[in-house]
Amino acid sequence: MEKACQALYNEIKSVYDNKDIRSNPALSNILLKALNKLIKAKNVQQIALSLNRELRLYEMSQKVLMPKDLLFLKSLTRKLSAAG
């Protein structure tokens, strides 16, 4: 796994392992899908862009601020999706 892919995987896994996040079915599903995509695919930029989009849609649909544990992950997905 390349460095950016590994960094994104580790951050998603860390957030996913949080019991508060995992107890939220919508968020845990978003994160699990992203983990599976990272394992199967090589296009980290596309996966980061997709994850960033899904997290924003979740945030808007719930009309709440993201849990604090997701802030760094959102920042990382923005950074990786912009890299090219």
PDB file of N, CA and C in Angstrom:
ATOM      1  N   MET A   1       0.852  -1.180   0.000  1.00  0.00           N
ATOM      2  CA  MET A   1       0.000   0.000   0.000  1.00  0.00           C
ATOM      3  C   MET A   1       0.896   1.240   0.000  1.00  0.00           C
ATOM      4  N   GLU A   2       0.653   2.146  -0.908  1.00  0.00           N
ATOM      5  CA  GLU A   2       1.469   3.357  -0.957  1.00  0.00           C
ATOM      6  C   GLU A   2       1.229   4.216   0.282  1.00  0.00           C
ATOM      7  N   LYS A   3       2.110   5.179   0.486  1.00  0.00           N
ATOM      8  CA  LYS A   3       2.092   5.984   1.708  1.00  0.00           C
ATOM      9  C   LYS A   3       0.765   6.721   1.925  1.00  0.00           C
ATOM     10  N   ALA A   4       0.238   7.388   0.903  1.00  0.00           N
ATOM     11  CA  ALA A   4      -1.028   8.131   1.038  1.00  0.00           C
ATOM     12  C   ALA A   4      -2.186   7.190   1.302  1.00  0.00           C
ATOM     13  N   CYS A   5      -2.171   6.060   0.629  1.00  0.00           N
ATOM     14  CA  CYS A   5      -3.222   5.068   0.808  1.00  0.00           C
ATOM     15  C   CYS A   5      -3.186   4.526   2.239  1.00  0.00           C
ATOM     16  N   GLN A   6      -1.994   4.230   2.714  1.00  0.00           N
ATOM     17  CA  GLN A   6      -1.838   3.703   4.073  1.00  0.00           C
ATOM     18  C   GLN A   6      -2.265   4.737   5.112  1.00  0.00           C
ATOM     19  N   ALA A   7      -1.923   5.994   4.887  1.00  0.00           N
ATOM     20  CA  ALA A   7      -2.301   7.057   5.826  1.00  0.00           C
ATOM     21  C   ALA A   7      -3.824   7.198   5.897  1.00  0.00           C
ATOM     22  N   LEU A   8      -4.471   7.170   4.739  1.00  0.00           N
ATOM     23  CA  LEU A   8      -5.929   7.281   4.708  1.00  0.00           C
ATOM     24  C   LEU A   8      -6.563   6.056   5.353  1.00  0.00           C
ATOM     25  N   TYR A   9      -6.062   4.879   5.028  1.00  0.00           N
ATOM     26  CA  TYR A   9      -6.586   3.647   5.615  1.00  0.00           C
ATOM     27  C   TYR A   9      -6.479   3.691   7.143  1.00  0.00           C
ATOM     28  N   ASN A  10      -5.295   4.076   7.643  1.00  0.00           N
ATOM     29  CA  ASN A  10      -5.082   4.112   9.091  1.00  0.00           C
ATOM     30  C   ASN A  10      -6.025   5.105   9.777  1.00  0.00           C
ATOM     31  N   GLU A  11      -6.240   6.245   9.160  1.00  0.00           N
ATOM     32  CA  GLU A  11      -7.120   7.248   9.764  1.00  0.00           C
ATOM     33  C   GLU A  11      -8.581   6.791   9.754  1.00  0.00           C
ATOM     34  N   ILE A  12      -9.010   6.223   8.652  1.00  0.00           N
ATOM     35  CA  ILE A  12     -10.387   5.714   8.589  1.00  0.00           C
ATOM     36  C   ILE A  12     -10.571   4.611   9.633  1.00  0.00           C
ATOM     37  N   LYS A  13      -9.620   3.701   9.713  1.00  0.00           N
ATOM     38  CA  LYS A  13      -9.696   2.592  10.669  1.00  0.00           C
ATOM     39  C   LYS A  13      -9.751   3.118  12.098  1.00  0.00           C
ATOM     40  N   SER A  14      -8.945   4.114  12.386  1.00  0.00           N
ATOM     41  CA  SER A  14      -8.922   4.712  13.729  1.00  0.00           C
ATOM     42  C   SER A  14     -10.282   5.307  14.085  1.00  0.00           C
ATOM     43  N   VAL A  15     -10.863   6.031  13.154  1.00  0.00           N
ATOM     44  CA  VAL A  15     -12.183   6.641  13.386  1.00  0.00           C
ATOM     45  C   VAL A  15     -13.245   5.550  13.487  1.00  0.00           C
ATOM     46  N   TYR A  16     -13.162   4.563  12.602  1.00  0.00           N
ATOM     47  CA  TYR A  16     -14.150   3.476  12.587  1.00  0.00           C
ATOM     48  C   TYR A  16     -14.125   2.685  13.900  1.00  0.00           C
ATOM     49  N   ASP A  17     -12.965   2.567  14.504  1.00  0.00           N
ATOM     50  CA  ASP A  17     -12.829   1.819  15.752  1.00  0.00           C
ATOM     51  C   ASP A  17     -13.400   2.544  16.965  1.00  0.00           C
ATOM     52  N   ASN A  18     -13.732   3.821  16.809  1.00  0.00           N
ATOM     53  CA  ASN A  18     -14.344   4.577  17.893  1.00  0.00           C
ATOM     54  C   ASN A  18     -15.759   4.056  18.125  1.00  0.00           C
ATOM     55  N   LYS A  19     -16.077   3.673  19.363  1.00  0.00           N
ATOM     56  CA  LYS A  19     -17.382   3.050  19.633  1.00  0.00           C
ATOM     57  C   LYS A  19     -18.552   3.988  19.348  1.00  0.00           C
ATOM     58  N   ASP A  20     -18.377   5.295  19.540  1.00  0.00           N
ATOM     59  CA  ASP A  20     -19.460   6.236  19.248  1.00  0.00           C
ATOM     60  C   ASP A  20     -19.730   6.322  17.751  1.00  0.00           C
ATOM     61  N   ILE A  21     -18.673   6.308  16.970  1.00  0.00           N
ATOM     62  CA  ILE A  21     -18.819   6.347  15.509  1.00  0.00           C
ATOM     63  C   ILE A  21     -19.414   5.031  15.019  1.00  0.00           C
ATOM     64  N   ARG A  22     -18.888   3.942  15.518  1.00  0.00           N
ATOM     65  CA  ARG A  22     -19.355   2.631  15.065  1.00  0.00           C
ATOM     66  C   ARG A  22     -20.818   2.392  15.436  1.00  0.00           C
ATOM     67  N   SER A  23     -21.283   2.999  16.507  1.00  0.00           N
ATOM     68  CA  SER A  23     -22.685   2.810  16.905  1.00  0.00           C
ATOM     69  C   SER A  23     -23.647   3.598  16.013  1.00  0.00           C
ATOM     70  N   ASN A  24     -23.108   4.473  15.164  1.00  0.00           N
ATOM     71  CA  ASN A  24     -23.917   5.225  14.216  1.00  0.00           C
ATOM     72  C   ASN A  24     -23.924   4.453  12.897  1.00  0.00           C
ATOM     73  N   PRO A  25     -25.044   3.810  12.553  1.00  0.00           N
ATOM     74  CA  PRO A  25     -25.065   2.964  11.349  1.00  0.00           C
ATOM     75  C   PRO A  25     -24.685   3.689  10.059  1.00  0.00           C
ATOM     76  N   ALA A  26     -25.128   4.920   9.894  1.00  0.00           N
ATOM     77  CA  ALA A  26     -24.830   5.653   8.657  1.00  0.00           C
ATOM     78  C   ALA A  26     -23.339   5.952   8.546  1.00  0.00           C
ATOM     79  N   LEU A  27     -22.750   6.466   9.613  1.00  0.00           N
ATOM     80  CA  LEU A  27     -21.320   6.786   9.573  1.00  0.00           C
ATOM     81  C   LEU A  27     -20.463   5.532   9.459  1.00  0.00           C
ATOM     82  N   SER A  28     -20.796   4.509  10.206  1.00  0.00           N
ATOM     83  CA  SER A  28     -19.980   3.302  10.142  1.00  0.00           C
ATOM     84  C   SER A  28     -20.056   2.673   8.751  1.00  0.00           C
ATOM     85  N   ASN A  29     -21.205   2.750   8.091  1.00  0.00           N
ATOM     86  CA  ASN A  29     -21.337   2.235   6.733  1.00  0.00           C
ATOM     87  C   ASN A  29     -20.475   3.032   5.749  1.00  0.00           C
ATOM     88  N   ILE A  30     -20.489   4.345   5.870  1.00  0.00           N
ATOM     89  CA  ILE A  30     -19.668   5.195   5.001  1.00  0.00           C
ATOM     90  C   ILE A  30     -18.188   4.831   5.150  1.00  0.00           C
ATOM     91  N   LEU A  31     -17.746   4.691   6.399  1.00  0.00           N
ATOM     92  CA  LEU A  31     -16.338   4.397   6.658  1.00  0.00           C
ATOM     93  C   LEU A  31     -15.959   2.986   6.215  1.00  0.00           C
ATOM     94  N   LEU A  32     -16.824   2.031   6.449  1.00  0.00           N
ATOM     95  CA  LEU A  32     -16.538   0.653   6.048  1.00  0.00           C
ATOM     96  C   LEU A  32     -16.450   0.533   4.528  1.00  0.00           C
ATOM     97  N   LYS A  33     -17.338   1.219   3.819  1.00  0.00           N
ATOM     98  CA  LYS A  33     -17.265   1.211   2.345  1.00  0.00           C
ATOM     99  C   LYS A  33     -15.930   1.784   1.877  1.00  0.00           C
ATOM    100  N   ALA A  34     -15.488   2.871   2.504  1.00  0.00           N
ATOM    101  CA  ALA A  34     -14.219   3.487   2.113  1.00  0.00           C
ATOM    102  C   ALA A  34     -13.044   2.547   2.405  1.00  0.00           C
ATOM    103  N   LEU A  35     -13.066   1.870   3.550  1.00  0.00           N
ATOM    104  CA  LEU A  35     -12.004   0.908   3.863  1.00  0.00           C
ATOM    105  C   LEU A  35     -11.947  -0.196   2.821  1.00  0.00           C
ATOM    106  N   ASN A  36     -13.095  -0.724   2.461  1.00  0.00           N
ATOM    107  CA  ASN A  36     -13.135  -1.788   1.456  1.00  0.00           C
ATOM    108  C   ASN A  36     -12.646  -1.314   0.098  1.00  0.00           C
ATOM    109  N   LYS A  37     -13.000  -0.094  -0.279  1.00  0.00           N
ATOM    110  CA  LYS A  37     -12.512   0.457  -1.551  1.00  0.00           C
ATOM    111  C   LYS A  37     -10.997   0.595  -1.538  1.00  0.00           C
ATOM    112  N   LEU A  38     -10.447   1.037  -0.417  1.00  0.00           N
ATOM    113  CA  LEU A  38      -8.993   1.198  -0.326  1.00  0.00           C
ATOM    114  C   LEU A  38      -8.278  -0.136  -0.447  1.00  0.00           C
ATOM    115  N   ILE A  39      -8.854  -1.171   0.108  1.00  0.00           N
ATOM    116  CA  ILE A  39      -8.244  -2.496   0.030  1.00  0.00           C
ATOM    117  C   ILE A  39      -8.255  -2.999  -1.416  1.00  0.00           C
ATOM    118  N   LYS A  40      -9.338  -2.729  -2.146  1.00  0.00           N
ATOM    119  CA  LYS A  40      -9.506  -3.261  -3.505  1.00  0.00           C
ATOM    120  C   LYS A  40      -8.898  -2.378  -4.599  1.00  0.00           C
ATOM    121  N   ALA A  41      -8.881  -1.076  -4.379  1.00  0.00           N
ATOM    122  CA  ALA A  41      -8.491  -0.149  -5.452  1.00  0.00           C
ATOM    123  C   ALA A  41      -7.160   0.528  -5.149  1.00  0.00           C
ATOM    124  N   LYS A  42      -6.656   1.197  -6.140  1.00  0.00           N
ATOM    125  CA  LYS A  42      -5.382   1.898  -5.996  1.00  0.00           C
ATOM    126  C   LYS A  42      -5.528   3.411  -6.112  1.00  0.00           C
ATOM    127  N   ASN A  43      -6.683   3.900  -6.535  1.00  0.00           N
ATOM    128  CA  ASN A  43      -6.858   5.326  -6.774  1.00  0.00           C
ATOM    129  C   ASN A  43      -7.265   6.045  -5.490  1.00  0.00           C
ATOM    130  N   VAL A  44      -6.263   6.399  -4.704  1.00  0.00           N
ATOM    131  CA  VAL A  44      -6.493   7.031  -3.402  1.00  0.00           C
ATOM    132  C   VAL A  44      -7.203   8.370  -3.574  1.00  0.00           C
ATOM    133  N   GLN A  45      -6.843   9.119  -4.595  1.00  0.00           N
ATOM    134  CA  GLN A  45      -7.450  10.431  -4.820  1.00  0.00           C
ATOM    135  C   GLN A  45      -8.951  10.296  -5.038  1.00  0.00           C
ATOM    136  N   GLN A  46      -9.372   9.341  -5.835  1.00  0.00           N
ATOM    137  CA  GLN A  46     -10.795   9.124  -6.110  1.00  0.00           C
ATOM    138  C   GLN A  46     -11.536   8.664  -4.856  1.00  0.00           C
ATOM    139  N   ILE A  47     -10.930   7.775  -4.100  1.00  0.00           N
ATOM    140  CA  ILE A  47     -11.558   7.276  -2.876  1.00  0.00           C
ATOM    141  C   ILE A  47     -11.685   8.402  -1.852  1.00  0.00           C
ATOM    142  N   ALA A  48     -10.640   9.218  -1.722  1.00  0.00           N
ATOM    143  CA  ALA A  48     -10.682  10.352  -0.791  1.00  0.00           C
ATOM    144  C   ALA A  48     -11.767  11.346  -1.196  1.00  0.00           C
ATOM    145  N   LEU A  49     -11.881  11.609  -2.483  1.00  0.00           N
ATOM    146  CA  LEU A  49     -12.908  12.524  -2.980  1.00  0.00           C
ATOM    147  C   LEU A  49     -14.304  11.979  -2.679  1.00  0.00           C
ATOM    148  N   SER A  50     -14.498  10.705  -2.932  1.00  0.00           N
ATOM    149  CA  SER A  50     -15.787  10.066  -2.671  1.00  0.00           C
ATOM    150  C   SER A  50     -16.127  10.076  -1.180  1.00  0.00           C
ATOM    151  N   LEU A  51     -15.163   9.766  -0.342  1.00  0.00           N
ATOM    152  CA  LEU A  51     -15.390   9.765   1.103  1.00  0.00           C
ATOM    153  C   LEU A  51     -15.693  11.167   1.606  1.00  0.00           C
ATOM    154  N   ASN A  52     -14.947  12.131   1.119  1.00  0.00           N
ATOM    155  CA  ASN A  52     -15.186  13.525   1.516  1.00  0.00           C
ATOM    156  C   ASN A  52     -16.613  13.939   1.154  1.00  0.00           C
ATOM    157  N   ARG A  53     -17.043  13.587  -0.040  1.00  0.00           N
ATOM    158  CA  ARG A  53     -18.392  13.917  -0.506  1.00  0.00           C
ATOM    159  C   ARG A  53     -19.451  13.231   0.374  1.00  0.00           C
ATOM    160  N   GLU A  54     -19.258  11.966   0.665  1.00  0.00           N
ATOM    161  CA  GLU A  54     -20.223  11.242   1.489  1.00  0.00           C
ATOM    162  C   GLU A  54     -20.308  11.808   2.904  1.00  0.00           C
ATOM    163  N   LEU A  55     -19.171  12.196   3.456  1.00  0.00           N
ATOM    164  CA  LEU A  55     -19.183  12.787   4.801  1.00  0.00           C
ATOM    165  C   LEU A  55     -19.894  14.140   4.806  1.00  0.00           C
ATOM    166  N   ARG A  56     -19.671  14.941   3.756  1.00  0.00           N
ATOM    167  CA  ARG A  56     -20.373  16.228   3.669  1.00  0.00           C
ATOM    168  C   ARG A  56     -21.879  16.030   3.526  1.00  0.00           C
ATOM    169  N   LEU A  57     -22.284  15.083   2.686  1.00  0.00           N
ATOM    170  CA  LEU A  57     -23.710  14.801   2.521  1.00  0.00           C
ATOM    171  C   LEU A  57     -24.333  14.323   3.828  1.00  0.00           C
ATOM    172  N   TYR A  58     -23.615  13.490   4.550  1.00  0.00           N
ATOM    173  CA  TYR A  58     -24.103  13.027   5.851  1.00  0.00           C
ATOM    174  C   TYR A  58     -24.291  14.218   6.795  1.00  0.00           C
ATOM    175  N   GLU A  59     -23.284  15.062   6.851  1.00  0.00           N
ATOM    176  CA  GLU A  59     -23.325  16.226   7.742  1.00  0.00           C
ATOM    177  C   GLU A  59     -24.503  17.136   7.400  1.00  0.00           C
ATOM    178  N   MET A  60     -24.724  17.374   6.121  1.00  0.00           N
ATOM    179  CA  MET A  60     -25.830  18.237   5.706  1.00  0.00           C
ATOM    180  C   MET A  60     -27.180  17.579   5.958  1.00  0.00           C
ATOM    181  N   SER A  61     -27.279  16.290   5.721  1.00  0.00           N
ATOM    182  CA  SER A  61     -28.561  15.607   5.905  1.00  0.00           C
ATOM    183  C   SER A  61     -28.939  15.490   7.377  1.00  0.00           C
ATOM    184  N   GLN A  62     -27.953  15.411   8.230  1.00  0.00           N
ATOM    185  CA  GLN A  62     -28.218  15.285   9.665  1.00  0.00           C
ATOM    186  C   GLN A  62     -28.363  16.633  10.359  1.00  0.00           C
ATOM    187  N   LYS A  63     -27.944  17.686   9.658  1.00  0.00           N
ATOM    188  CA  LYS A  63     -27.993  19.043  10.203  1.00  0.00           C
ATOM    189  C   LYS A  63     -27.296  19.137  11.570  1.00  0.00           C
ATOM    190  N   VAL A  64     -26.168  18.441  11.657  1.00  0.00           N
ATOM    191  CA  VAL A  64     -25.352  18.467  12.871  1.00  0.00           C
ATOM    192  C   VAL A  64     -23.895  18.624  12.463  1.00  0.00           C
ATOM    193  N   LEU A  65     -23.087  19.051  13.405  1.00  0.00           N
ATOM    194  CA  LEU A  65     -21.649  19.095  13.164  1.00  0.00           C
ATOM    195  C   LEU A  65     -21.090  17.680  13.265  1.00  0.00           C
ATOM    196  N   MET A  66     -20.053  17.441  12.527  1.00  0.00           N
ATOM    197  CA  MET A  66     -19.414  16.134  12.553  1.00  0.00           C
ATOM    198  C   MET A  66     -18.828  15.864  13.938  1.00  0.00           C
ATOM    199  N   PRO A  67     -18.830  14.608  14.339  1.00  0.00           N
ATOM    200  CA  PRO A  67     -18.143  14.260  15.582  1.00  0.00           C
ATOM    201  C   PRO A  67     -16.674  14.678  15.495  1.00  0.00           C
ATOM    202  N   LYS A  68     -16.121  15.066  16.612  1.00  0.00           N
ATOM    203  CA  LYS A  68     -14.756  15.582  16.655  1.00  0.00           C
ATOM    204  C   LYS A  68     -13.741  14.610  16.048  1.00  0.00           C
ATOM    205  N   ASP A  69     -13.955  13.326  16.227  1.00  0.00           N
ATOM    206  CA  ASP A  69     -13.019  12.331  15.699  1.00  0.00           C
ATOM    207  C   ASP A  69     -12.940  12.324  14.176  1.00  0.00           C
ATOM    208  N   LEU A  70     -13.929  12.898  13.516  1.00  0.00           N
ATOM    209  CA  LEU A  70     -13.939  12.911  12.055  1.00  0.00           C
ATOM    210  C   LEU A  70     -13.265  14.143  11.454  1.00  0.00           C
ATOM    211  N   LEU A  71     -12.930  15.120  12.262  1.00  0.00           N
ATOM    212  CA  LEU A  71     -12.377  16.367  11.719  1.00  0.00           C
ATOM    213  C   LEU A  71     -11.062  16.161  10.985  1.00  0.00           C
ATOM    214  N   PHE A  72     -10.137  15.397  11.571  1.00  0.00           N
ATOM    215  CA  PHE A  72      -8.861  15.169  10.894  1.00  0.00           C
ATOM    216  C   PHE A  72      -9.068  14.337   9.634  1.00  0.00           C
ATOM    217  N   LEU A  73      -9.964  13.356   9.711  1.00  0.00           N
ATOM    218  CA  LEU A  73     -10.247  12.538   8.527  1.00  0.00           C
ATOM    219  C   LEU A  73     -10.796  13.397   7.394  1.00  0.00           C
ATOM    220  N   LYS A  74     -11.714  14.306   7.705  1.00  0.00           N
ATOM    221  CA  LYS A  74     -12.238  15.198   6.664  1.00  0.00           C
ATOM    222  C   LYS A  74     -11.125  16.046   6.064  1.00  0.00           C
ATOM    223  N   SER A  75     -10.241  16.550   6.913  1.00  0.00           N
ATOM    224  CA  SER A  75      -9.116  17.356   6.438  1.00  0.00           C
ATOM    225  C   SER A  75      -8.207  16.529   5.523  1.00  0.00           C
ATOM    226  N   LEU A  76      -7.937  15.297   5.919  1.00  0.00           N
ATOM    227  CA  LEU A  76      -7.078  14.421   5.115  1.00  0.00           C
ATOM    228  C   LEU A  76      -7.726  14.089   3.773  1.00  0.00           C
ATOM    229  N   THR A  77      -9.031  13.834   3.759  1.00  0.00           N
ATOM    230  CA  THR A  77      -9.687  13.530   2.486  1.00  0.00           C
ATOM    231  C   THR A  77      -9.669  14.730   1.556  1.00  0.00           C
ATOM    232  N   ARG A  78      -9.836  15.929   2.106  1.00  0.00           N
ATOM    233  CA  ARG A  78      -9.746  17.144   1.265  1.00  0.00           C
ATOM    234  C   ARG A  78      -8.356  17.264   0.670  1.00  0.00           C
ATOM    235  N   LYS A  79      -7.349  17.057   1.481  1.00  0.00           N
ATOM    236  CA  LYS A  79      -5.953  17.167   1.021  1.00  0.00           C
ATOM    237  C   LYS A  79      -5.653  16.126  -0.062  1.00  0.00           C
ATOM    238  N   LEU A  80      -6.031  14.876   0.175  1.00  0.00           N
ATOM    239  CA  LEU A  80      -5.730  13.816  -0.787  1.00  0.00           C
ATOM    240  C   LEU A  80      -6.535  13.932  -2.072  1.00  0.00           C
ATOM    241  N   SER A  81      -7.774  14.403  -1.961  1.00  0.00           N
ATOM    242  CA  SER A  81      -8.581  14.532  -3.174  1.00  0.00           C
ATOM    243  C   SER A  81      -8.102  15.684  -4.044  1.00  0.00           C
ATOM    244  N   ALA A  82      -7.442  16.664  -3.442  1.00  0.00           N
ATOM    245  CA  ALA A  82      -6.920  17.795  -4.200  1.00  0.00           C
ATOM    246  C   ALA A  82      -5.553  17.479  -4.811  1.00  0.00           C
ATOM    247  N   ALA A  83      -4.855  16.496  -4.239  1.00  0.00           N
ATOM    248  CA  ALA A  83      -3.533  16.120  -4.760  1.00  0.00           C
ATOM    249  C   ALA A  83      -3.705  15.460  -6.109  1.00  0.00           C
ATOM    250  N   GLY A  84      -2.804  15.702  -6.962  1.00  0.00           N
ATOM    251  CA  GLY A  84      -2.951  15.058  -8.260  1.00  0.00           C
ATOM    252  C   GLY A  84      -1.796  15.193  -9.078  1.00  0.00           C
TER     253      GLY A  84
END
